[in-house]
Amino acid sequence: MKSINLIRLLSFAKIKKFSCFLLTFYLFFGVFLIATPNPIYAAASIYLTPASKTLNQGESFSVQVRENSEGEPVNAVQAKIAYDTSKLDAVSIDGSSSAFQIKAQETISSGVVTIARGVNAGEPPVTGDQLVASVHFKAKNSSGSTSVNFTDGTVLVRSTDNANILNGMIGGTYTISAAQANQISPTSPTTPTNKPASQTTSTPGKDTTSPKISDLKVEDVGFDKATVVWKTDEDSNSIVEYGVTKDLKISAYDQALTKNHKVALSSNILTIGTQFYFRVRSKDAAGNVGESKISSFKTKGYSVKIKAMDLSGKPLNKAKITLIPEFEEVVADKNGFAFFVNVSPGKHSVNIEIRGQKLASNIEVADTRDKPEEIQPFEVKVAALATTQGQDFSNLVPIMILLAVASVLLMAVWFAKGHLFINKKLASAKAGEDDNSPQESPTNEPPTLSPIEGQVLNQTDKVEPDLPASPKTEQEELPTPEEDESKNTEIEPDEQTDEKTLPPKNEPKIEVFSAEEDTPKDD
């Protein structure tokens, strides 16, 4: 019984040990897959703001140079900015509000602005979005679009190891408008020369109701054209105020009084793939003005397909991809593709956000007006530098489920085999105990003599006690001849043998006497 219990304990111990090993291996494998980091670039970038603006000839404006190191500590920055000297003049550099206290270099020379600044010794490094400096420009008497971009030599230095962690550079595009008869500033005191006579002879004060504007929409939008249409409930003129910001510093108008209004915006001001804000105004003959809310439209641009990947070529599916300066956000599909429409030509920054991590890269969209419907493909790869990102193991979920199911099945098979093994061992142990059980051995006691003429009886002999073990008295009834004959028949091993058989060799001789011979017969 002890051996059976021992077999049972050992078998269950083996099953338990294997189960624990299998469970530990599976858990370790899953945690290893999820926790293994995949290093990628941090979204450390430097950019200009505003990134786009429409200007009048001779207008001055300021552009901020800013850096965004995310969570990385930086203590030095250098920016080299190139601009078109035929369209713009760089007037001055202002670093009074900079987060970098030390001015190492500030120069303007041959169409390049150079700014180098650092953090004071003993001061903590800066992190996040910070101002580097402001650059003041002035538009020349030349119309058209011009770009201001960062060039080689622009760096952002991390304080911990003096490494350049700059990953993205975002410039700006600025449009200088040409002076036209129907394009005026809303604050200009200039009076249009084509002002109708009906408006000059009106008598204000009799009509105090402003025109009601309805059905406002933008039609015929192209690369550099757009037409704004609307309706009013009374005759009034048509004025459209628009611009790339909500300041709406540009105006287009038609002084004819009508209920159906239609104003085409200038192709010299509209640029490809640019968002414009606008509102309309209508003034009746009495001088009452109706005004709409500010709306927006975007000129036609190019179609762009961006594939976001890591260095190994694995697509970053479900990543949020933002195209700057458009600031349009698209979620990548399972193959890492993101599609953008109406994108302006030139350099763009591509910001990628995935599971809380931000990445950055750059693309340059070509001006392909000869193939306006062509989709321009780009591949953006991000590599290790500043931060790490957990890998996306969503595609391994089915494999992990299969491993779990396989583990359960394997454990079930193991338990079944263990059960059969235990039963087999128990049966073997039980059979062994039966074979090894103690047998009745002959005792060392001397044989017992029978009182019947010296008959010898051995305790191991299995002979039926035909004769009494003790002497019989005369009063006891003797067996009948028939009974004695039947008893003699039962003890004979073979009917064909003699009544008296010799005992085996080397064994004590046992003589069997018939009761018939010793007992006197009745007359």
Protein backbone atom coordinates (compact mmCIF):
# COMPACT_ATOMS: atom_id res chain seq x y z
CA MET A 1 0.00 0.00 0.00
CA LYS A 2 2.87 2.35 0.73
CA SER A 3 4.38 1.71 -2.71
CA ILE A 4 1.03 2.53 -4.37
CA ASN A 5 0.77 5.84 -2.55
CA LEU A 6 4.38 6.62 -3.47
CA ILE A 7 3.66 5.99 -7.17
CA ARG A 8 0.59 8.22 -7.00
CA LEU A 9 2.50 11.07 -5.38
CA LEU A 10 5.42 10.85 -7.80
CA SER A 11 3.13 10.83 -10.83
CA PHE A 12 1.10 13.80 -9.67
CA ALA A 13 4.32 15.65 -8.83
CA LYS A 14 5.57 15.14 -12.41
CA ILE A 15 2.28 16.40 -13.87
CA LYS A 16 2.28 19.43 -11.60
CA LYS A 17 5.91 20.24 -12.41
CA PHE A 18 5.30 20.03 -16.17
CA SER A 19 2.15 22.16 -15.92
CA CYS A 20 3.96 24.86 -13.99
CA PHE A 21 6.82 24.83 -16.50
CA LEU A 22 4.43 25.14 -19.44
CA LEU A 23 2.49 27.99 -17.85
CA THR A 24 5.68 29.84 -16.91
CA PHE A 25 7.08 29.48 -20.43
CA TYR A 26 3.88 30.78 -22.02
CA LEU A 27 3.66 33.77 -19.70
CA PHE A 28 7.33 34.62 -20.19
CA PHE A 29 6.97 34.38 -23.97
CA GLY A 30 3.94 36.71 -24.02
CA VAL A 31 5.53 39.28 -21.71
CA PHE A 32 8.75 39.19 -23.72
CA LEU A 33 6.90 39.95 -26.94
CA ILE A 34 4.92 42.81 -25.47
CA ALA A 35 7.74 44.41 -23.51
CA THR A 36 10.47 44.25 -26.18
CA PRO A 37 11.09 47.87 -27.19
CA ASN A 38 11.52 49.07 -30.74
CA PRO A 39 13.57 52.27 -30.77
CA ILE A 40 12.40 55.11 -33.02
CA TYR A 41 13.15 58.76 -33.56
CA ALA A 42 11.86 61.40 -31.21
CA ALA A 43 9.89 64.20 -32.86
CA ALA A 44 12.45 66.91 -32.13
CA SER A 45 11.82 69.65 -34.67
CA ILE A 46 12.36 73.30 -35.50
CA TYR A 47 9.78 75.33 -37.39
CA LEU A 48 8.54 78.76 -38.45
CA THR A 49 5.25 80.28 -37.38
CA PRO A 50 3.15 81.43 -39.09
CA ALA A 51 3.98 78.91 -41.78
CA SER A 52 2.00 80.78 -44.42
CA LYS A 53 0.76 84.30 -44.94
CA THR A 54 -0.56 86.54 -47.70
CA LEU A 55 1.08 89.98 -47.82
CA ASN A 56 0.66 93.26 -49.58
CA GLN A 57 3.61 94.73 -51.37
CA GLY A 58 5.81 96.63 -48.92
CA GLU A 59 4.14 95.04 -45.89
CA SER A 60 6.34 94.11 -42.89
CA PHE A 61 5.73 90.95 -40.88
CA SER A 62 7.45 88.85 -38.21
CA VAL A 63 8.15 85.12 -38.17
CA GLN A 64 8.94 83.19 -34.99
CA VAL A 65 11.65 80.53 -35.01
CA ARG A 66 10.63 77.83 -32.52
CA GLU A 67 11.96 74.43 -31.49
CA ASN A 68 10.10 71.47 -30.00
CA SER A 69 12.29 68.85 -28.36
CA GLU A 70 9.33 67.02 -26.80
CA GLY A 71 10.66 65.56 -23.53
CA GLU A 72 14.34 65.73 -24.45
CA PRO A 73 16.48 68.30 -22.58
CA VAL A 74 18.36 70.68 -24.91
CA ASN A 75 20.83 73.44 -24.11
CA ALA A 76 21.83 74.81 -27.52
CA VAL A 77 20.27 75.51 -30.91
CA GLN A 78 21.43 76.83 -34.26
CA ALA A 79 19.09 77.82 -37.08
CA LYS A 80 20.07 78.70 -40.64
CA ILE A 81 17.19 80.17 -42.65
CA ALA A 82 17.29 80.84 -46.38
CA TYR A 83 14.92 83.28 -48.15
CA ASP A 84 14.45 84.76 -51.63
CA THR A 85 16.03 88.19 -51.72
CA SER A 86 13.98 89.15 -54.79
CA LYS A 87 10.74 88.86 -52.80
CA LEU A 88 11.71 89.55 -49.19
CA ASP A 89 14.08 91.60 -47.10
CA ALA A 90 15.23 90.31 -43.70
CA VAL A 91 15.22 93.41 -41.55
CA SER A 92 16.23 92.32 -38.03
CA ILE A 93 16.44 89.50 -35.46
CA ASP A 94 14.85 89.74 -32.02
CA GLY A 95 15.95 87.28 -29.30
CA SER A 96 14.73 89.21 -26.27
CA SER A 97 12.01 86.64 -25.45
CA SER A 98 14.08 83.57 -26.32
CA ALA A 99 14.21 80.58 -23.97
CA PHE A 100 17.95 80.41 -24.73
CA GLN A 101 19.61 83.25 -22.84
CA ILE A 102 23.04 83.27 -24.52
CA LYS A 103 23.30 84.93 -27.95
CA ALA A 104 26.15 83.22 -29.76
CA GLN A 105 25.40 84.47 -33.28
CA GLU A 106 22.77 86.56 -35.08
CA THR A 107 23.58 87.49 -38.67
CA ILE A 108 21.78 88.35 -41.94
CA SER A 109 23.85 87.87 -45.05
CA SER A 110 23.19 87.02 -48.72
CA GLY A 111 19.73 85.63 -48.21
CA VAL A 112 20.62 83.56 -45.11
CA VAL A 113 19.64 84.31 -41.50
CA THR A 114 21.83 82.58 -38.91
CA ILE A 115 20.79 82.30 -35.27
CA ALA A 116 22.82 80.45 -32.60
CA ARG A 117 21.79 80.53 -28.95
CA GLY A 118 22.42 78.57 -25.76
CA VAL A 119 21.41 78.15 -22.14
CA ASN A 120 23.33 79.93 -19.37
CA ALA A 121 25.77 77.84 -17.35
CA GLY A 122 24.09 76.57 -14.22
CA GLU A 123 20.62 76.95 -15.70
CA PRO A 124 18.54 73.82 -16.36
CA PRO A 125 18.12 72.72 -19.99
CA VAL A 126 14.87 73.49 -21.78
CA THR A 127 12.29 70.97 -22.96
CA GLY A 128 9.15 71.09 -25.04
CA ASP A 129 8.06 73.90 -27.38
CA GLN A 130 10.26 76.99 -26.94
CA LEU A 131 10.92 80.28 -28.75
CA VAL A 132 14.38 80.65 -30.29
CA ALA A 133 14.05 84.11 -31.84
CA SER A 134 11.86 86.27 -34.10
CA VAL A 135 12.87 87.42 -37.59
CA HIS A 136 11.35 90.56 -39.12
CA PHE A 137 10.82 90.56 -42.90
CA LYS A 138 9.45 93.08 -45.38
CA ALA A 139 7.73 92.19 -48.65
CA LYS A 140 9.20 93.76 -51.76
CA ASN A 141 7.29 95.22 -54.69
CA SER A 142 7.10 91.86 -56.38
CA SER A 143 4.08 89.58 -56.48
CA GLY A 144 3.96 85.82 -56.18
CA SER A 145 4.76 83.06 -53.70
CA THR A 146 8.08 82.63 -51.93
CA SER A 147 9.48 80.10 -49.48
CA VAL A 148 11.54 80.52 -46.33
CA ASN A 149 13.28 77.28 -45.35
CA PHE A 150 15.84 75.89 -42.92
CA THR A 151 19.13 74.73 -44.46
CA ASP A 152 22.03 72.47 -43.54
CA GLY A 153 23.74 73.53 -40.35
CA THR A 154 20.52 73.72 -38.35
CA VAL A 155 20.98 71.66 -35.18
CA LEU A 156 19.31 71.03 -31.82
CA VAL A 157 21.73 69.82 -29.14
CA ARG A 158 20.71 67.47 -26.34
CA SER A 159 22.27 68.39 -23.02
CA THR A 160 22.94 64.85 -21.79
CA ASP A 161 25.32 63.77 -24.57
CA ASN A 162 25.62 66.82 -26.89
CA ALA A 163 23.96 64.85 -29.70
CA ASN A 164 22.01 66.54 -32.47
CA ILE A 165 18.46 65.22 -32.03
CA LEU A 166 16.86 67.40 -34.72
CA ASN A 167 14.55 65.30 -36.86
CA GLY A 168 12.17 67.74 -38.55
CA MET A 169 12.49 71.21 -40.11
CA ILE A 170 9.37 73.10 -41.18
CA GLY A 171 9.68 76.28 -43.20
CA GLY A 172 7.06 78.71 -44.46
CA THR A 173 5.40 79.85 -47.70
CA TYR A 174 4.38 83.48 -48.11
CA THR A 175 2.38 85.10 -50.88
CA ILE A 176 2.82 88.70 -51.99
CA SER A 177 -0.29 90.03 -53.67
CA ALA A 178 -0.26 92.34 -56.70
CA ALA A 179 -2.18 95.61 -56.60
CA GLN A 180 -5.40 95.39 -58.67
CA ALA A 181 -8.37 97.65 -59.19
CA ASN A 182 -10.79 95.31 -57.44
CA GLN A 183 -8.41 94.15 -54.65
CA ILE A 184 -8.27 96.60 -51.74
CA SER A 185 -7.65 96.56 -48.07
CA PRO A 186 -10.83 96.90 -46.01
CA THR A 187 -9.19 99.68 -44.00
CA SER A 188 -8.03 101.59 -47.07
CA PRO A 189 -9.66 104.99 -47.51
CA THR A 190 -9.46 104.64 -51.27
CA THR A 191 -12.85 105.03 -52.96
CA PRO A 192 -13.46 102.73 -55.94
CA THR A 193 -13.65 104.57 -59.22
CA ASN A 194 -16.43 102.36 -60.56
CA LYS A 195 -18.87 103.22 -57.79
CA PRO A 196 -22.40 103.31 -59.29
CA ALA A 197 -24.30 106.63 -59.36
CA SER A 198 -27.31 105.05 -57.67
CA GLN A 199 -25.33 104.60 -54.50
CA THR A 200 -24.10 108.19 -54.41
CA THR A 201 -27.61 109.65 -54.73
CA SER A 202 -29.20 107.45 -52.06
CA THR A 203 -30.86 109.07 -49.10
CA PRO A 204 -29.85 107.19 -45.97
CA GLY A 205 -32.21 106.98 -43.04
CA LYS A 206 -35.34 105.89 -44.85
CA ASP A 207 -34.30 102.17 -44.98
CA THR A 208 -32.86 100.65 -41.83
CA THR A 209 -33.09 96.94 -42.71
CA SER A 210 -29.86 95.14 -43.62
CA PRO A 211 -29.82 92.66 -46.51
CA LYS A 212 -30.24 89.01 -45.47
CA ILE A 213 -27.57 86.74 -46.89
CA SER A 214 -28.38 83.15 -47.90
CA ASP A 215 -27.13 80.25 -50.05
CA LEU A 216 -23.48 81.11 -49.51
CA LYS A 217 -21.04 78.72 -51.24
CA VAL A 218 -17.76 78.51 -53.15
CA GLU A 219 -17.76 77.25 -56.72
CA ASP A 220 -15.25 76.53 -59.47
CA VAL A 221 -12.36 75.88 -57.09
CA GLY A 222 -9.08 75.17 -58.89
CA PHE A 223 -5.34 75.36 -58.30
CA ASP A 224 -5.43 79.18 -58.23
CA LYS A 225 -9.05 80.15 -58.64
CA ALA A 226 -12.34 80.20 -56.75
CA THR A 227 -15.71 81.96 -57.07
CA VAL A 228 -17.89 82.93 -54.12
CA VAL A 229 -21.67 83.10 -54.70
CA TRP A 230 -24.60 84.03 -52.45
CA LYS A 231 -28.05 85.59 -52.44
CA THR A 232 -29.72 88.51 -50.63
CA ASP A 233 -33.37 89.45 -50.15
CA GLU A 234 -32.82 92.94 -51.63
CA ASP A 235 -30.53 94.58 -54.10
CA SER A 236 -27.08 95.19 -52.66
CA ASN A 237 -23.44 95.20 -53.69
CA SER A 238 -20.97 92.31 -53.30
CA ILE A 239 -17.84 92.28 -51.11
CA VAL A 240 -15.64 89.28 -50.24
CA GLU A 241 -13.00 89.59 -47.52
CA TYR A 242 -10.50 86.74 -47.43
CA GLY A 243 -6.99 85.62 -46.46
CA VAL A 244 -4.92 82.70 -45.20
CA THR A 245 -5.74 83.72 -41.62
CA LYS A 246 -8.93 85.00 -40.04
CA ASP A 247 -7.61 88.56 -40.19
CA LEU A 248 -9.10 88.75 -43.73
CA LYS A 249 -6.86 91.52 -44.97
CA ILE A 250 -7.71 91.12 -48.67
CA SER A 251 -10.97 92.18 -50.33
CA ALA A 252 -12.63 91.59 -53.69
CA TYR A 253 -15.85 93.38 -54.61
CA ASP A 254 -18.46 94.22 -57.20
CA GLN A 255 -20.43 97.42 -56.61
CA ALA A 256 -23.36 96.49 -58.83
CA LEU A 257 -26.61 96.18 -56.84
CA THR A 258 -28.16 92.75 -57.24
CA LYS A 259 -29.84 89.92 -55.35
CA ASN A 260 -27.64 87.22 -56.91
CA HIS A 261 -24.00 87.77 -56.03
CA LYS A 262 -20.92 86.29 -57.66
CA VAL A 263 -17.31 87.33 -57.02
CA ALA A 264 -14.25 85.64 -58.57
CA LEU A 265 -11.15 85.75 -56.41
CA SER A 266 -7.79 86.75 -57.88
CA SER A 267 -5.57 84.04 -59.33
CA ASN A 268 -2.53 86.12 -58.32
CA ILE A 269 -3.32 85.64 -54.65
CA LEU A 270 -4.74 82.13 -54.48
CA THR A 271 -2.08 79.45 -54.18
CA ILE A 272 -2.18 75.71 -54.76
CA GLY A 273 -3.50 73.56 -51.94
CA THR A 274 -3.94 76.45 -49.51
CA GLN A 275 -6.77 77.00 -47.06
CA PHE A 276 -8.37 80.44 -47.16
CA TYR A 277 -10.83 82.04 -44.77
CA PHE A 278 -13.52 84.40 -46.04
CA ARG A 279 -16.78 86.18 -45.33
CA VAL A 280 -19.14 88.18 -47.53
CA ARG A 281 -20.81 91.52 -47.07
CA SER A 282 -23.64 93.17 -48.95
CA LYS A 283 -24.63 96.82 -48.61
CA ASP A 284 -27.93 98.15 -49.95
CA ALA A 285 -28.59 101.58 -51.43
CA ALA A 286 -29.50 102.96 -47.99
CA GLY A 287 -26.08 101.94 -46.59
CA ASN A 288 -27.34 98.98 -44.51
CA VAL A 289 -24.79 96.18 -44.48
CA GLY A 290 -25.46 92.44 -44.15
CA GLU A 291 -22.56 90.22 -43.14
CA SER A 292 -21.99 86.44 -43.07
CA LYS A 293 -19.99 84.35 -40.65
CA ILE A 294 -16.39 83.48 -41.43
CA SER A 295 -16.11 80.34 -43.57
CA SER A 296 -13.22 78.63 -45.32
CA PHE A 297 -12.31 76.80 -48.49
CA LYS A 298 -9.19 75.17 -49.87
CA THR A 299 -7.79 75.52 -53.32
CA LYS A 300 -7.12 72.41 -55.35
CA GLY A 301 -3.77 70.74 -54.70
CA TYR A 302 -1.97 67.51 -55.34
CA SER A 303 -2.76 64.04 -54.01
CA VAL A 304 -0.14 62.49 -51.74
CA LYS A 305 0.20 58.91 -50.46
CA ILE A 306 2.50 58.46 -47.46
CA LYS A 307 3.64 55.09 -46.15
CA ALA A 308 4.97 55.20 -42.58
CA MET A 309 7.45 52.45 -41.65
CA ASP A 310 10.16 51.64 -39.18
CA LEU A 311 13.74 50.99 -40.31
CA SER A 312 13.04 47.30 -40.92
CA GLY A 313 10.27 48.21 -43.37
CA LYS A 314 7.44 47.20 -41.08
CA PRO A 315 4.40 49.45 -41.61
CA LEU A 316 3.22 51.57 -38.68
CA ASN A 317 -0.45 50.72 -38.88
CA LYS A 318 -3.01 52.85 -37.04
CA ALA A 319 -0.50 55.66 -36.65
CA LYS A 320 -1.79 59.25 -36.70
CA ILE A 321 -0.01 61.09 -39.50
CA THR A 322 -0.17 64.88 -39.63
CA LEU A 323 0.98 66.87 -42.64
CA ILE A 324 2.35 70.34 -41.83
CA PRO A 325 1.69 73.21 -42.58
CA GLU A 326 -1.72 71.89 -43.66
CA PHE A 327 -2.21 70.35 -40.19
CA GLU A 328 -4.37 67.63 -41.66
CA GLU A 329 -4.48 64.39 -39.70
CA VAL A 330 -5.07 60.96 -41.21
CA VAL A 331 -4.96 57.55 -39.50
CA ALA A 332 -2.81 55.08 -41.42
CA ASP A 333 -4.38 51.83 -42.56
CA LYS A 334 -3.06 48.35 -41.70
CA ASN A 335 -0.38 48.70 -44.39
CA GLY A 336 0.82 52.05 -43.01
CA PHE A 337 -0.67 54.15 -45.83
CA ALA A 338 -2.21 57.60 -45.34
CA PHE A 339 -3.78 59.59 -48.19
CA PHE A 340 -3.89 63.38 -48.40
CA VAL A 341 -5.58 65.55 -51.02
CA ASN A 342 -5.18 69.17 -52.05
CA VAL A 343 -1.61 69.36 -50.80
CA SER A 344 0.45 72.38 -51.73
CA PRO A 345 3.83 71.91 -53.50
CA GLY A 346 7.05 72.33 -51.57
CA LYS A 347 8.54 70.96 -48.36
CA HIS A 348 6.27 69.53 -45.70
CA SER A 349 6.85 68.07 -42.29
CA VAL A 350 5.31 64.68 -41.55
CA ASN A 351 4.51 64.14 -37.88
CA ILE A 352 3.72 60.58 -36.83
CA GLU A 353 2.08 59.72 -33.53
CA ILE A 354 1.70 56.11 -32.40
CA ARG A 355 0.88 54.96 -28.86
CA GLY A 356 1.88 58.27 -27.29
CA GLN A 357 5.18 58.57 -29.14
CA LYS A 358 5.75 61.37 -31.68
CA LEU A 359 7.98 61.06 -34.72
CA ALA A 360 8.90 63.48 -37.48
CA SER A 361 10.23 63.47 -41.01
CA ASN A 362 10.10 65.58 -44.18
CA ILE A 363 8.80 65.23 -47.73
CA GLU A 364 8.83 67.55 -50.74
CA VAL A 365 5.77 67.65 -52.99
CA ALA A 366 6.51 68.44 -56.61
CA ASP A 367 4.58 71.04 -58.62
CA THR A 368 3.11 68.81 -61.34
CA ARG A 369 0.44 70.93 -62.98
CA ASP A 370 0.91 69.01 -66.19
CA LYS A 371 -0.27 65.88 -64.31
CA PRO A 372 -2.70 67.27 -61.76
CA GLU A 373 -4.42 63.93 -61.06
CA GLU A 374 -1.21 62.02 -60.40
CA ILE A 375 -0.77 60.66 -56.87
CA GLN A 376 2.69 61.36 -55.49
CA PRO A 377 3.93 58.45 -53.30
CA PHE A 378 6.30 58.85 -50.36
CA GLU A 379 7.86 56.43 -47.90
CA VAL A 380 8.73 57.76 -44.46
CA LYS A 381 11.02 55.67 -42.28
CA VAL A 382 11.74 56.42 -38.64
CA ALA A 383 14.81 55.05 -36.85
CA ALA A 384 16.35 54.85 -33.36
CA LEU A 385 17.63 57.97 -31.66
CA ALA A 386 15.93 59.41 -28.62
CA THR A 387 12.96 57.41 -27.44
CA THR A 388 11.61 53.90 -27.60
CA GLN A 389 8.25 52.57 -28.53
CA GLY A 390 6.61 49.26 -27.71
CA GLN A 391 6.16 47.03 -30.73
CA ASP A 392 2.77 46.47 -32.21
CA PHE A 393 1.97 42.79 -31.72
CA SER A 394 -1.67 42.95 -32.77
CA ASN A 395 -0.87 40.57 -35.64
CA LEU A 396 0.60 38.08 -33.12
CA VAL A 397 -2.63 37.83 -31.13
CA PRO A 398 -3.87 34.80 -33.17
CA ILE A 399 -0.51 33.08 -32.65
CA MET A 400 -0.67 33.68 -28.90
CA ILE A 401 -4.24 32.32 -28.83
CA LEU A 402 -3.10 29.20 -30.69
CA LEU A 403 -0.24 28.78 -28.22
CA ALA A 404 -2.69 29.01 -25.33
CA VAL A 405 -5.03 26.44 -26.91
CA ALA A 406 -2.11 24.16 -27.70
CA SER A 407 -0.91 24.48 -24.11
CA VAL A 408 -4.32 23.48 -22.75
CA LEU A 409 -4.56 20.51 -25.13
CA LEU A 410 -1.04 19.42 -24.29
CA MET A 411 -1.80 19.60 -20.58
CA ALA A 412 -5.00 17.58 -21.13
CA VAL A 413 -3.08 14.88 -23.05
CA TRP A 414 -0.41 14.85 -20.39
CA PHE A 415 -3.00 14.43 -17.63
CA ALA A 416 -4.68 11.62 -19.57
CA LYS A 417 -1.37 9.85 -20.09
CA GLY A 418 -0.49 10.43 -16.47
CA HIS A 419 -3.79 8.89 -15.40
CA LEU A 420 -3.16 5.78 -17.51
CA PHE A 421 0.39 5.61 -16.20
CA ILE A 422 -0.84 5.79 -12.60
CA ASN A 423 -3.42 3.04 -13.17
CA LYS A 424 -0.80 0.84 -14.78
CA LYS A 425 1.64 1.42 -11.95
CA LEU A 426 -1.06 0.76 -9.36
CA ALA A 427 -2.02 -2.49 -11.05
CA SER A 428 1.63 -3.58 -11.22
CA ALA A 429 2.20 -2.66 -7.60
CA LYS A 430 -0.90 -4.51 -6.48
CA ALA A 431 0.12 -7.61 -8.40
CA GLY A 432 3.59 -7.42 -6.89
CA GLU A 433 2.18 -7.20 -3.38
CA ASP A 434 0.05 -10.30 -4.02
CA ASP A 435 3.10 -12.23 -5.23
CA ASN A 436 5.21 -11.12 -2.30
CA SER A 437 2.56 -11.78 0.41
CA PRO A 438 3.84 -14.19 3.17
CA GLN A 439 2.87 -17.89 2.63
CA GLU A 440 2.10 -20.28 5.45
CA SER A 441 5.40 -22.07 6.13
CA PRO A 442 5.78 -25.42 7.93
CA THR A 443 6.32 -25.11 11.60
CA ASN A 444 9.11 -26.75 13.47
CA GLU A 445 6.68 -28.57 15.79
CA PRO A 446 7.05 -32.33 15.82
CA PRO A 447 4.43 -34.33 14.01
CA THR A 448 1.44 -35.45 16.03
CA LEU A 449 0.90 -39.14 16.46
CA SER A 450 -2.60 -40.41 16.00
CA PRO A 451 -3.86 -42.66 18.67
CA ILE A 452 -4.97 -45.00 15.96
CA GLU A 453 -2.02 -47.35 15.76
CA GLY A 454 0.65 -44.83 15.52
CA GLN A 455 -0.82 -42.77 12.59
CA VAL A 456 1.37 -39.70 11.90
CA LEU A 457 -0.38 -36.41 10.99
CA ASN A 458 1.46 -33.38 9.65
CA GLN A 459 -0.04 -29.95 10.17
CA THR A 460 0.54 -29.08 6.50
CA ASP A 461 -1.37 -32.11 5.21
CA LYS A 462 -4.75 -31.13 3.87
CA VAL A 463 -6.46 -34.40 4.52
CA GLU A 464 -10.05 -34.51 5.57
CA PRO A 465 -10.26 -35.65 9.23
CA ASP A 466 -11.89 -39.00 8.51
CA LEU A 467 -10.71 -40.32 11.80
CA PRO A 468 -11.25 -38.61 15.09
CA ALA A 469 -8.26 -36.78 16.54
CA SER A 470 -8.88 -38.17 20.00
CA PRO A 471 -9.44 -41.77 21.15
CA LYS A 472 -13.02 -42.86 20.91
CA THR A 473 -14.83 -44.35 23.84
CA GLU A 474 -16.91 -47.37 23.73
CA GLN A 475 -20.07 -45.38 24.14
CA GLU A 476 -19.44 -43.33 20.92
CA GLU A 477 -21.23 -44.52 17.82
CA LEU A 478 -18.97 -46.00 15.18
CA PRO A 479 -19.55 -45.13 11.51
CA THR A 480 -21.56 -47.54 9.39
CA PRO A 481 -19.87 -49.54 6.66
CA GLU A 482 -21.59 -47.47 4.00
CA GLU A 483 -20.26 -44.23 5.47
CA ASP A 484 -16.84 -45.70 5.86
CA GLU A 485 -16.86 -46.83 2.25
CA SER A 486 -17.86 -43.34 1.03
CA LYS A 487 -15.10 -41.76 3.05
CA ASN A 488 -12.58 -44.15 1.63
CA THR A 489 -13.82 -43.28 -1.84
CA GLU A 490 -13.32 -39.48 -1.29
CA ILE A 491 -9.71 -39.76 -0.27
CA GLU A 492 -8.66 -42.07 -3.09
CA PRO A 493 -6.80 -39.99 -5.72
CA ASP A 494 -7.49 -42.37 -8.58
CA GLU A 495 -10.07 -45.15 -8.80
CA GLN A 496 -7.73 -47.26 -10.88
CA THR A 497 -4.89 -47.17 -8.34
CA ASP A 498 -4.50 -49.48 -5.39
CA GLU A 499 -6.22 -48.72 -2.14
CA LYS A 500 -2.88 -48.37 -0.45
CA THR A 501 -0.43 -46.16 -2.26
CA LEU A 502 3.13 -45.57 -1.30
CA PRO A 503 3.93 -42.15 0.06
CA PRO A 504 6.37 -39.89 -1.79
CA LYS A 505 10.04 -40.52 -1.28
CA ASN A 506 11.60 -38.99 1.79
CA GLU A 507 8.20 -38.21 3.28
CA PRO A 508 6.77 -39.87 6.42
CA LYS A 509 4.67 -42.88 5.68
CA ILE A 510 1.05 -42.56 6.58
CA GLU A 511 -0.96 -45.70 6.92
CA VAL A 512 -4.69 -45.43 6.52
CA PHE A 513 -6.72 -48.08 8.32
CA SER A 514 -10.21 -48.82 7.51
CA ALA A 515 -12.64 -48.69 10.29
CA GLU A 516 -14.10 -51.86 8.97
CA GLU A 517 -10.95 -53.79 9.81
CA ASP A 518 -10.67 -52.66 13.41
CA THR A 519 -14.25 -52.69 14.46
CA PRO A 520 -15.91 -55.97 15.26
CA LYS A 521 -18.96 -56.73 13.18
CA ASP A 522 -22.28 -57.29 14.79
CA ASP A 523 -23.66 -60.78 14.42
